[in-house]
C-alpha atoms as a PDB file:
ATOM      1  CA  UNK A   1      -9.363 -22.813  42.273  1.00  0.00           C
ATOM      2  CA  UNK A   2     -12.877 -22.620  40.844  1.00  0.00           C
ATOM      3  CA  UNK A   3     -12.819 -18.826  41.219  1.00  0.00           C
ATOM      4  CA  UNK A   4      -9.639 -18.739  39.128  1.00  0.00           C
ATOM      5  CA  UNK A   5     -11.194 -20.960  36.454  1.00  0.00           C
ATOM      6  CA  UNK A   6     -14.290 -18.768  36.349  1.00  0.00           C
ATOM      7  CA  UNK A   7     -12.162 -15.624  35.899  1.00  0.00           C
ATOM      8  CA  UNK A   8     -10.156 -17.280  33.139  1.00  0.00           C
ATOM      9  CA  UNK A   9     -13.359 -18.351  31.370  1.00  0.00           C
ATOM     10  CA  UNK A  10     -14.798 -14.832  31.681  1.00  0.00           C
ATOM     11  CA  UNK A  11     -11.617 -13.291  30.319  1.00  0.00           C
ATOM     12  CA  UNK A  12     -11.572 -15.806  27.492  1.00  0.00           C
ATOM     13  CA  UNK A  13     -15.202 -15.026  26.688  1.00  0.00           C
ATOM     14  CA  UNK A  14     -14.462 -11.270  26.608  1.00  0.00           C
ATOM     15  CA  UNK A  15     -11.493 -11.790  24.319  1.00  0.00           C
ATOM     16  CA  UNK A  16     -13.525 -14.048  22.039  1.00  0.00           C
ATOM     17  CA  UNK A  17     -16.326 -11.479  21.886  1.00  0.00           C
ATOM     18  CA  UNK A  18     -13.876  -8.670  21.120  1.00  0.00           C
ATOM     19  CA  UNK A  19     -12.192 -10.686  18.373  1.00  0.00           C
ATOM     20  CA  UNK A  20     -15.561 -11.651  16.880  1.00  0.00           C
ATOM     21  CA  UNK A  21     -16.689  -8.014  16.852  1.00  0.00           C
ATOM     22  CA  UNK A  22     -13.425  -6.921  15.231  1.00  0.00           C
ATOM     23  CA  UNK A  23     -13.707  -9.640  12.584  1.00  0.00           C
ATOM     24  CA  UNK A  24     -17.294  -8.632  11.849  1.00  0.00           C
ATOM     25  CA  UNK A  25     -16.306  -5.000  11.474  1.00  0.00           C
ATOM     26  CA  UNK A  26     -13.403  -5.905   9.202  1.00  0.00           C
ATOM     27  CA  UNK A  27     -15.689  -7.972   6.999  1.00  0.00           C
ATOM     28  CA  UNK A  28     -17.902  -4.918   6.556  1.00  0.00           C
ATOM     29  CA  UNK A  29     -15.090  -2.417   5.997  1.00  0.00           C
ATOM     30  CA  UNK A  30     -12.785  -4.421   3.728  1.00  0.00           C
ATOM     31  CA  UNK A  31     -14.996  -4.015   0.631  1.00  0.00           C
ATOM     32  CA  UNK A  32     -15.096  -0.246   1.231  1.00  0.00           C
ATOM     33  CA  UNK A  33     -11.322  -0.190   1.584  1.00  0.00           C
ATOM     34  CA  UNK A  34     -10.869  -2.175  -1.641  1.00  0.00           C
ATOM     35  CA  UNK A  35     -13.187   0.225  -3.465  1.00  0.00           C
ATOM     36  CA  UNK A  36     -11.193   3.171  -2.111  1.00  0.00           C
ATOM     37  CA  UNK A  37      -7.955   1.621  -3.327  1.00  0.00           C
ATOM     38  CA  UNK A  38      -9.393   0.909  -6.764  1.00  0.00           C
ATOM     39  CA  UNK A  39     -11.176   4.244  -7.162  1.00  0.00           C
ATOM     40  CA  UNK A  40      -8.692   6.650  -5.572  1.00  0.00           C
ATOM     41  CA  UNK A  41      -5.253   5.169  -4.953  1.00  0.00           C
ATOM     42  CA  UNK A  42      -4.668   3.156  -8.125  1.00  0.00           C
ATOM     43  CA  UNK A  43      -5.546   6.004 -10.520  1.00  0.00           C
ATOM     44  CA  UNK A  44      -3.376   8.447  -8.561  1.00  0.00           C
ATOM     45  CA  UNK A  45      -0.422   6.068  -8.597  1.00  0.00           C
ATOM     46  CA  UNK A  46      -0.833   5.484 -12.324  1.00  0.00           C
ATOM     47  CA  UNK A  47      -1.020   9.206 -13.012  1.00  0.00           C
ATOM     48  CA  UNK A  48       2.062  10.001 -10.966  1.00  0.00           C
ATOM     49  CA  UNK A  49       3.942   7.016 -12.380  1.00  0.00           C
ATOM     50  CA  UNK A  50       3.191   8.113 -15.923  1.00  0.00           C
ATOM     51  CA  UNK A  51       4.351  11.625 -15.137  1.00  0.00           C
ATOM     52  CA  UNK A  52       7.536  10.309 -13.523  1.00  0.00           C
ATOM     53  CA  UNK A  53       8.249   8.102 -16.541  1.00  0.00           C
ATOM     54  CA  UNK A  54       7.810  11.049 -18.899  1.00  0.00           C
ATOM     55  CA  UNK A  55      10.202  13.168 -16.834  1.00  0.00           C
ATOM     56  CA  UNK A  56      12.739  10.335 -16.666  1.00  0.00           C
ATOM     57  CA  UNK A  57      12.429   9.817 -20.410  1.00  0.00           C
ATOM     58  CA  UNK A  58      13.098  13.500 -21.086  1.00  0.00           C
ATOM     59  CA  UNK A  59      16.103  13.506 -18.764  1.00  0.00           C
ATOM     60  CA  UNK A  60      17.523  10.375 -20.355  1.00  0.00           C
ATOM     61  CA  UNK A  61      17.102  11.934 -23.769  1.00  0.00           C
ATOM     62  CA  UNK A  62      18.933  15.055 -22.580  1.00  0.00           C
ATOM     63  CA  UNK A  63      21.688  12.896 -21.108  1.00  0.00           C
ATOM     64  CA  UNK A  64      22.043  10.953 -24.369  1.00  0.00           C
ATOM     65  CA  UNK A  65      22.378  14.253 -26.268  1.00  0.00           C
ATOM     66  CA  UNK A  66      25.011  15.405 -23.774  1.00  0.00           C
ATOM     67  CA  UNK A  67      26.965  12.165 -24.138  1.00  0.00           C
ATOM     68  CA  UNK A  68      26.907  12.445 -27.936  1.00  0.00           C
ATOM     69  CA  UNK A  69      28.229  15.992 -27.802  1.00  0.00           C
ATOM     70  CA  UNK A  70      30.913  15.316 -25.193  1.00  0.00           C
ATOM     71  CA  UNK A  71      32.234  11.943 -26.293  1.00  0.00           C
ATOM     72  CA  UNK A  72      35.909  12.170 -27.264  1.00  0.00           C
ATOM     73  CA  UNK A  73      36.698  10.962 -30.760  1.00  0.00           C
ATOM     74  CA  UNK A  74      37.953   7.391 -31.049  1.00  0.00           C
ATOM     75  CA  UNK A  75      41.571   6.846 -32.072  1.00  0.00           C
END
């Protein structure tokens, strides 16, 4: 039984060490990831969103013109 307990403790220690190392690495890399999001991703999303809004606006304007031209007269 003591051999089993020792193996469980060793496994637990390895898991704890692995989790601690992962947490330490995440703490170091998260600021870099946030900077990447702010510097690269956010501007790209804004640029593409603006472009998409301009295209949608133009299409809606065209559709409004079409509806005005093709609306049957009211009786």
